[in-house]
Amino acid sequence: MHAFRLFAALVITVVIVLPASFQAQAQTGGQWKEYDEVFENGARHANVWQWGWTGIYGTSLAVNAYQSSEASDDDDRFDGRVGVVKSALALGGMFMDRQPHPAALAEYERLKASGDLSGVQALGLQLAQAERERRGWGARVGSLVVNGVAGAVIAADGRESDGAINFATGMLVNELQIWTQPNQASSAINRFQPANLSLGPITIPGEYALNVGPQQLGATWRY
């Protein structure tokens, strides 16, 4: 009789523990898939952005260089010389200030290989912070100075309206450059907030996500 009770208890334990184990493994696999998407898509987007804007500024430099010497109008040649300086500075910035996502992907792959989930979470937070900084006001200071000086130089040549247009156009292009940057980590940051659930003396580590919709606000916790 005791042997039968022991066998029944063992069966019940297996029935309870195995589904929980499978569920935990499925959640962990889902976690890695979500992180894969954030870091891989971010690096892919960063490479497209980097080469795309490098090509735009390189083309602009060539066009302005041609205009600075070959344009038939003196004002156009003057504007071309101003454009050469602006395009050269912008092109140099593309090589000097690269996106952090490719390096983050390499670090993520290293952390994933070692199973360091907490390290991946910290890396995701760092990447999101870098994305926010690259969209902050500090990212506009350089463009404000360059376009401000360029507009003032053209205005000092007796063409105030052309100087204003040059300034506004340059700032608009800079805004497009800023807002087309990758932001995968910032968009997904709420899915990767570490949290601990305390049930009396038991503490269960996990993560929480905020769910915000047009007519709902909630939160999801997972271990």
C-alpha atoms as a PDB file:
ATOM      1  CA  MET A   1       0.000   0.000   0.000  1.00  0.00           C
ATOM      2  CA  HIS A   2       2.824   2.372   0.888  1.00  0.00           C
ATOM      3  CA  ALA A   3       4.533   1.503  -2.373  1.00  0.00           C
ATOM      4  CA  PHE A   4       1.359   2.348  -4.316  1.00  0.00           C
ATOM      5  CA  ARG A   5       1.068   5.742  -2.569  1.00  0.00           C
ATOM      6  CA  LEU A   6       4.725   6.475  -3.287  1.00  0.00           C
ATOM      7  CA  PHE A   7       4.217   5.571  -6.964  1.00  0.00           C
ATOM      8  CA  ALA A   8       1.067   7.764  -7.177  1.00  0.00           C
ATOM      9  CA  ALA A   9       2.888  10.713  -5.600  1.00  0.00           C
ATOM     10  CA  LEU A  10       5.733  10.265  -8.081  1.00  0.00           C
ATOM     11  CA  VAL A  11       3.304  10.232 -11.007  1.00  0.00           C
ATOM     12  CA  ILE A  12       1.560  13.404  -9.761  1.00  0.00           C
ATOM     13  CA  THR A  13       4.918  15.129  -9.307  1.00  0.00           C
ATOM     14  CA  VAL A  14       5.985  14.253 -12.863  1.00  0.00           C
ATOM     15  CA  VAL A  15       2.632  15.449 -14.255  1.00  0.00           C
ATOM     16  CA  ILE A  16       2.995  18.804 -12.468  1.00  0.00           C
ATOM     17  CA  VAL A  17       6.713  19.401 -12.948  1.00  0.00           C
ATOM     18  CA  LEU A  18       7.088  18.413 -16.609  1.00  0.00           C
ATOM     19  CA  PRO A  19       4.518  20.885 -17.998  1.00  0.00           C
ATOM     20  CA  ALA A  20       6.076  23.639 -15.882  1.00  0.00           C
ATOM     21  CA  SER A  21       9.503  22.703 -17.199  1.00  0.00           C
ATOM     22  CA  PHE A  22       8.292  22.693 -20.784  1.00  0.00           C
ATOM     23  CA  GLN A  23       6.582  26.044 -20.254  1.00  0.00           C
ATOM     24  CA  ALA A  24       9.756  27.580 -18.817  1.00  0.00           C
ATOM     25  CA  GLN A  25      11.794  26.286 -21.740  1.00  0.00           C
ATOM     26  CA  ALA A  26       9.265  27.656 -24.216  1.00  0.00           C
ATOM     27  CA  GLN A  27       9.322  31.057 -22.521  1.00  0.00           C
ATOM     28  CA  THR A  28      13.125  31.114 -22.553  1.00  0.00           C
ATOM     29  CA  GLY A  29      13.144  30.218 -26.239  1.00  0.00           C
ATOM     30  CA  GLY A  30      10.628  32.976 -26.881  1.00  0.00           C
ATOM     31  CA  GLN A  31      12.815  35.399 -24.982  1.00  0.00           C
ATOM     32  CA  TRP A  32      15.832  34.641 -27.140  1.00  0.00           C
ATOM     33  CA  LYS A  33      13.715  34.978 -30.275  1.00  0.00           C
ATOM     34  CA  GLU A  34      12.570  38.431 -29.204  1.00  0.00           C
ATOM     35  CA  TYR A  35      16.120  39.490 -28.404  1.00  0.00           C
ATOM     36  CA  ASP A  36      17.281  38.047 -31.744  1.00  0.00           C
ATOM     37  CA  GLU A  37      14.791  40.247 -33.556  1.00  0.00           C
ATOM     38  CA  VAL A  38      15.783  43.400 -31.660  1.00  0.00           C
ATOM     39  CA  PHE A  39      19.543  43.063 -32.073  1.00  0.00           C
ATOM     40  CA  GLU A  40      19.589  41.550 -35.563  1.00  0.00           C
ATOM     41  CA  ASN A  41      17.026  43.962 -37.002  1.00  0.00           C
ATOM     42  CA  GLY A  42      18.774  46.860 -35.309  1.00  0.00           C
ATOM     43  CA  ALA A  43      22.134  45.952 -36.847  1.00  0.00           C
ATOM     44  CA  ARG A  44      20.561  45.434 -40.281  1.00  0.00           C
ATOM     45  CA  HIS A  45      18.753  48.774 -40.083  1.00  0.00           C
ATOM     46  CA  ALA A  46      21.951  50.483 -38.904  1.00  0.00           C
ATOM     47  CA  ASN A  47      23.926  49.196 -41.884  1.00  0.00           C
ATOM     48  CA  VAL A  48      21.259  50.339 -44.359  1.00  0.00           C
ATOM     49  CA  TRP A  49      21.051  53.716 -42.635  1.00  0.00           C
ATOM     50  CA  GLN A  50      24.846  54.108 -42.554  1.00  0.00           C
ATOM     51  CA  TRP A  51      25.421  53.349 -46.216  1.00  0.00           C
ATOM     52  CA  GLY A  52      22.285  55.157 -47.355  1.00  0.00           C
ATOM     53  CA  TRP A  53      23.174  58.465 -45.725  1.00  0.00           C
ATOM     54  CA  THR A  54      26.832  58.086 -46.657  1.00  0.00           C
ATOM     55  CA  GLY A  55      25.700  57.781 -50.275  1.00  0.00           C
ATOM     56  CA  ILE A  56      23.416  60.812 -49.948  1.00  0.00           C
ATOM     57  CA  TYR A  57      26.137  63.031 -48.520  1.00  0.00           C
ATOM     58  CA  GLY A  58      28.716  61.701 -50.972  1.00  0.00           C
ATOM     59  CA  THR A  59      26.423  62.539 -53.884  1.00  0.00           C
ATOM     60  CA  SER A  60      25.706  65.958 -52.404  1.00  0.00           C
ATOM     61  CA  LEU A  61      29.448  66.624 -52.097  1.00  0.00           C
ATOM     62  CA  ALA A  62      30.034  65.727 -55.738  1.00  0.00           C
ATOM     63  CA  VAL A  63      27.117  67.880 -56.953  1.00  0.00           C
ATOM     64  CA  ASN A  64      28.203  70.864 -54.880  1.00  0.00           C
ATOM     65  CA  ALA A  65      31.810  70.488 -55.985  1.00  0.00           C
ATOM     66  CA  TYR A  66      30.693  70.557 -59.611  1.00  0.00           C
ATOM     67  CA  GLN A  67      28.419  73.521 -59.018  1.00  0.00           C
ATOM     68  CA  SER A  68      31.113  75.475 -57.186  1.00  0.00           C
ATOM     69  CA  SER A  69      33.270  75.584 -60.309  1.00  0.00           C
ATOM     70  CA  GLU A  70      30.975  74.956 -63.273  1.00  0.00           C
ATOM     71  CA  ALA A  71      27.768  76.860 -62.478  1.00  0.00           C
ATOM     72  CA  SER A  72      27.144  79.806 -64.791  1.00  0.00           C
ATOM     73  CA  ASP A  73      25.802  82.052 -62.026  1.00  0.00           C
ATOM     74  CA  ASP A  74      28.091  83.611 -59.403  1.00  0.00           C
ATOM     75  CA  ASP A  75      25.549  83.037 -56.634  1.00  0.00           C
ATOM     76  CA  ASP A  76      25.220  79.370 -57.566  1.00  0.00           C
ATOM     77  CA  ARG A  77      28.993  78.943 -57.485  1.00  0.00           C
ATOM     78  CA  PHE A  78      29.109  80.635 -54.079  1.00  0.00           C
ATOM     79  CA  ASP A  79      26.342  78.394 -52.745  1.00  0.00           C
ATOM     80  CA  GLY A  80      28.166  75.402 -54.210  1.00  0.00           C
ATOM     81  CA  ARG A  81      31.280  76.226 -52.192  1.00  0.00           C
ATOM     82  CA  VAL A  82      29.208  76.543 -49.041  1.00  0.00           C
ATOM     83  CA  GLY A  83      27.543  73.228 -49.880  1.00  0.00           C
ATOM     84  CA  VAL A  84      30.923  71.536 -50.348  1.00  0.00           C
ATOM     85  CA  VAL A  85      31.884  72.432 -46.783  1.00  0.00           C
ATOM     86  CA  LYS A  86      28.543  71.292 -45.361  1.00  0.00           C
ATOM     87  CA  SER A  87      28.518  68.015 -47.306  1.00  0.00           C
ATOM     88  CA  ALA A  88      32.144  67.251 -46.412  1.00  0.00           C
ATOM     89  CA  LEU A  89      31.434  67.782 -42.699  1.00  0.00           C
ATOM     90  CA  ALA A  90      28.309  65.613 -42.881  1.00  0.00           C
ATOM     91  CA  LEU A  91      30.150  62.868 -44.764  1.00  0.00           C
ATOM     92  CA  GLY A  92      32.987  62.922 -42.251  1.00  0.00           C
ATOM     93  CA  GLY A  93      30.444  62.626 -39.450  1.00  0.00           C
ATOM     94  CA  MET A  94      29.067  59.451 -40.994  1.00  0.00           C
ATOM     95  CA  PHE A  95      32.485  57.817 -40.754  1.00  0.00           C
ATOM     96  CA  MET A  96      33.370  59.203 -37.328  1.00  0.00           C
ATOM     97  CA  ASP A  97      30.065  58.597 -35.520  1.00  0.00           C
ATOM     98  CA  ARG A  98      28.853  55.121 -36.432  1.00  0.00           C
ATOM     99  CA  GLN A  99      25.729  53.430 -35.164  1.00  0.00           C
ATOM    100  CA  PRO A 100      26.235  51.216 -32.062  1.00  0.00           C
ATOM    101  CA  HIS A 101      23.981  48.391 -33.265  1.00  0.00           C
ATOM    102  CA  PRO A 102      26.488  46.223 -35.189  1.00  0.00           C
ATOM    103  CA  ALA A 103      28.827  46.155 -32.186  1.00  0.00           C
ATOM    104  CA  ALA A 104      25.856  45.455 -29.902  1.00  0.00           C
ATOM    105  CA  LEU A 105      24.862  42.491 -32.074  1.00  0.00           C
ATOM    106  CA  ALA A 106      28.356  40.996 -31.782  1.00  0.00           C
ATOM    107  CA  GLU A 107      28.256  41.406 -27.988  1.00  0.00           C
ATOM    108  CA  TYR A 108      24.734  39.955 -27.858  1.00  0.00           C
ATOM    109  CA  GLU A 109      25.828  36.834 -29.729  1.00  0.00           C
ATOM    110  CA  ARG A 110      28.665  36.370 -27.250  1.00  0.00           C
ATOM    111  CA  LEU A 111      26.324  36.765 -24.264  1.00  0.00           C
ATOM    112  CA  LYS A 112      23.710  34.488 -25.815  1.00  0.00           C
ATOM    113  CA  ALA A 113      26.301  31.756 -26.407  1.00  0.00           C
ATOM    114  CA  SER A 114      27.100  31.817 -22.685  1.00  0.00           C
ATOM    115  CA  GLY A 115      23.420  31.982 -21.682  1.00  0.00           C
ATOM    116  CA  ASP A 116      23.904  35.288 -19.869  1.00  0.00           C
ATOM    117  CA  LEU A 117      20.335  36.612 -19.949  1.00  0.00           C
ATOM    118  CA  SER A 118      20.965  39.353 -17.380  1.00  0.00           C
ATOM    119  CA  GLY A 119      23.908  40.570 -19.442  1.00  0.00           C
ATOM    120  CA  VAL A 120      21.676  40.658 -22.538  1.00  0.00           C
ATOM    121  CA  GLN A 121      19.074  42.654 -20.644  1.00  0.00           C
ATOM    122  CA  ALA A 122      21.706  45.171 -19.536  1.00  0.00           C
ATOM    123  CA  LEU A 123      23.007  45.385 -23.107  1.00  0.00           C
ATOM    124  CA  GLY A 124      19.500  46.078 -24.374  1.00  0.00           C
ATOM    125  CA  LEU A 125      19.088  48.899 -21.853  1.00  0.00           C
ATOM    126  CA  GLN A 126      22.437  50.398 -22.881  1.00  0.00           C
ATOM    127  CA  LEU A 127      21.492  50.237 -26.555  1.00  0.00           C
ATOM    128  CA  ALA A 128      18.122  51.873 -25.892  1.00  0.00           C
ATOM    129  CA  GLN A 129      19.875  54.655 -23.974  1.00  0.00           C
ATOM    130  CA  ALA A 130      22.271  55.186 -26.890  1.00  0.00           C
ATOM    131  CA  GLU A 131      19.305  55.376 -29.283  1.00  0.00           C
ATOM    132  CA  ARG A 132      17.615  58.005 -27.127  1.00  0.00           C
ATOM    133  CA  GLU A 133      20.789  60.059 -26.919  1.00  0.00           C
ATOM    134  CA  ARG A 134      21.184  59.955 -30.696  1.00  0.00           C
ATOM    135  CA  ARG A 135      17.667  61.422 -30.962  1.00  0.00           C
ATOM    136  CA  GLY A 136      18.172  64.025 -28.230  1.00  0.00           C
ATOM    137  CA  TRP A 137      18.924  67.706 -28.536  1.00  0.00           C
ATOM    138  CA  GLY A 138      22.630  67.045 -28.310  1.00  0.00           C
ATOM    139  CA  ALA A 139      22.452  65.381 -31.723  1.00  0.00           C
ATOM    140  CA  ARG A 140      21.205  68.654 -33.205  1.00  0.00           C
ATOM    141  CA  VAL A 141      23.853  71.006 -31.864  1.00  0.00           C
ATOM    142  CA  GLY A 142      26.449  70.279 -34.567  1.00  0.00           C
ATOM    143  CA  SER A 143      23.906  70.654 -37.361  1.00  0.00           C
ATOM    144  CA  LEU A 144      22.570  73.858 -35.818  1.00  0.00           C
ATOM    145  CA  VAL A 145      26.066  75.371 -35.769  1.00  0.00           C
ATOM    146  CA  VAL A 146      27.036  74.265 -39.299  1.00  0.00           C
ATOM    147  CA  ASN A 147      23.749  75.285 -40.909  1.00  0.00           C
ATOM    148  CA  GLY A 148      23.618  78.491 -38.911  1.00  0.00           C
ATOM    149  CA  VAL A 149      27.085  79.531 -40.086  1.00  0.00           C
ATOM    150  CA  ALA A 150      26.304  78.509 -43.682  1.00  0.00           C
ATOM    151  CA  GLY A 151      23.058  80.483 -43.691  1.00  0.00           C
ATOM    152  CA  ALA A 152      24.782  83.506 -42.161  1.00  0.00           C
ATOM    153  CA  VAL A 153      27.554  83.405 -44.784  1.00  0.00           C
ATOM    154  CA  ILE A 154      25.005  83.377 -47.611  1.00  0.00           C
ATOM    155  CA  ALA A 155      22.970  86.132 -45.912  1.00  0.00           C
ATOM    156  CA  ALA A 156      26.139  88.225 -45.553  1.00  0.00           C
ATOM    157  CA  ASP A 157      26.523  87.950 -49.334  1.00  0.00           C
ATOM    158  CA  GLY A 158      23.370  90.043 -49.606  1.00  0.00           C
ATOM    159  CA  ARG A 159      20.862  87.167 -49.950  1.00  0.00           C
ATOM    160  CA  GLU A 160      19.053  86.887 -46.642  1.00  0.00           C
ATOM    161  CA  SER A 161      16.191  84.792 -47.995  1.00  0.00           C
ATOM    162  CA  ASP A 162      18.587  82.317 -49.636  1.00  0.00           C
ATOM    163  CA  GLY A 163      20.496  82.069 -46.362  1.00  0.00           C
ATOM    164  CA  ALA A 164      17.291  81.310 -44.461  1.00  0.00           C
ATOM    165  CA  ILE A 165      16.294  78.661 -46.997  1.00  0.00           C
ATOM    166  CA  ASN A 166      19.754  77.066 -46.816  1.00  0.00           C
ATOM    167  CA  PHE A 167      19.539  76.946 -43.009  1.00  0.00           C
ATOM    168  CA  ALA A 168      16.014  75.503 -42.951  1.00  0.00           C
ATOM    169  CA  THR A 169      16.820  72.897 -45.606  1.00  0.00           C
ATOM    170  CA  GLY A 170      19.941  71.778 -43.785  1.00  0.00           C
ATOM    171  CA  MET A 171      18.079  71.396 -40.491  1.00  0.00           C
ATOM    172  CA  LEU A 172      15.280  69.451 -42.189  1.00  0.00           C
ATOM    173  CA  VAL A 173      17.773  67.021 -43.711  1.00  0.00           C
ATOM    174  CA  ASN A 174      19.398  66.590 -40.310  1.00  0.00           C
ATOM    175  CA  GLU A 175      16.009  65.807 -38.739  1.00  0.00           C
ATOM    176  CA  LEU A 176      15.376  63.166 -41.387  1.00  0.00           C
ATOM    177  CA  GLN A 177      18.789  61.670 -40.660  1.00  0.00           C
ATOM    178  CA  ILE A 178      18.045  61.560 -36.935  1.00  0.00           C
ATOM    179  CA  TRP A 179      14.551  60.078 -37.180  1.00  0.00           C
ATOM    180  CA  THR A 180      15.473  57.406 -39.714  1.00  0.00           C
ATOM    181  CA  GLN A 181      17.999  55.912 -37.296  1.00  0.00           C
ATOM    182  CA  PRO A 182      17.298  52.442 -35.872  1.00  0.00           C
ATOM    183  CA  ASN A 183      15.273  52.411 -32.655  1.00  0.00           C
ATOM    184  CA  GLN A 184      14.504  48.716 -32.172  1.00  0.00           C
ATOM    185  CA  ALA A 185      15.826  48.636 -28.609  1.00  0.00           C
ATOM    186  CA  SER A 186      13.862  51.731 -27.565  1.00  0.00           C
ATOM    187  CA  SER A 187      10.653  50.316 -29.053  1.00  0.00           C
ATOM    188  CA  ALA A 188      11.080  46.998 -27.244  1.00  0.00           C
ATOM    189  CA  ILE A 189      12.481  48.268 -23.958  1.00  0.00           C
ATOM    190  CA  ASN A 190       9.306  47.603 -21.952  1.00  0.00           C
ATOM    191  CA  ARG A 191       9.493  43.929 -22.885  1.00  0.00           C
ATOM    192  CA  PHE A 192      12.865  43.594 -21.197  1.00  0.00           C
ATOM    193  CA  GLN A 193      12.441  45.134 -17.757  1.00  0.00           C
ATOM    194  CA  PRO A 194      13.732  42.774 -15.045  1.00  0.00           C
ATOM    195  CA  ALA A 195      11.445  42.259 -12.045  1.00  0.00           C
ATOM    196  CA  ASN A 196      11.171  39.980  -9.022  1.00  0.00           C
ATOM    197  CA  LEU A 197       7.908  38.490  -7.763  1.00  0.00           C
ATOM    198  CA  SER A 198       7.856  37.927  -3.994  1.00  0.00           C
ATOM    199  CA  LEU A 199       5.477  35.372  -2.492  1.00  0.00           C
ATOM    200  CA  GLY A 200       6.253  35.339   1.202  1.00  0.00           C
ATOM    201  CA  PRO A 201       9.762  33.919   1.644  1.00  0.00           C
ATOM    202  CA  ILE A 202       9.947  32.935  -2.040  1.00  0.00           C
ATOM    203  CA  THR A 203      11.351  35.339  -4.648  1.00  0.00           C
ATOM    204  CA  ILE A 204      10.906  34.472  -8.331  1.00  0.00           C
ATOM    205  CA  PRO A 205      13.025  36.413 -10.845  1.00  0.00           C
ATOM    206  CA  GLY A 206      11.355  37.378 -14.100  1.00  0.00           C
ATOM    207  CA  GLU A 207      10.406  40.237 -16.383  1.00  0.00           C
ATOM    208  CA  TYR A 208       7.414  42.503 -16.804  1.00  0.00           C
ATOM    209  CA  ALA A 209       6.000  44.184 -19.892  1.00  0.00           C
ATOM    210  CA  LEU A 210       3.691  47.159 -20.135  1.00  0.00           C
ATOM    211  CA  ASN A 211       0.746  46.698 -22.490  1.00  0.00           C
ATOM    212  CA  VAL A 212      -0.596  50.009 -23.737  1.00  0.00           C
ATOM    213  CA  GLY A 213      -3.485  50.127 -26.196  1.00  0.00           C
ATOM    214  CA  PRO A 214      -6.055  52.666 -27.367  1.00  0.00           C
ATOM    215  CA  GLN A 215      -8.528  51.664 -24.660  1.00  0.00           C
ATOM    216  CA  GLN A 216      -6.504  49.566 -22.255  1.00  0.00           C
ATOM    217  CA  LEU A 217      -3.561  49.724 -19.923  1.00  0.00           C
ATOM    218  CA  GLY A 218      -2.101  46.644 -18.322  1.00  0.00           C
ATOM    219  CA  ALA A 219       1.002  44.697 -17.457  1.00  0.00           C
ATOM    220  CA  THR A 220       2.261  41.153 -18.008  1.00  0.00           C
ATOM    221  CA  TRP A 221       4.791  39.348 -15.837  1.00  0.00           C
ATOM    222  CA  ARG A 222       6.712  36.257 -16.908  1.00  0.00           C
ATOM    223  CA  TYR A 223       9.473  34.065 -15.450  1.00  0.00           C
END
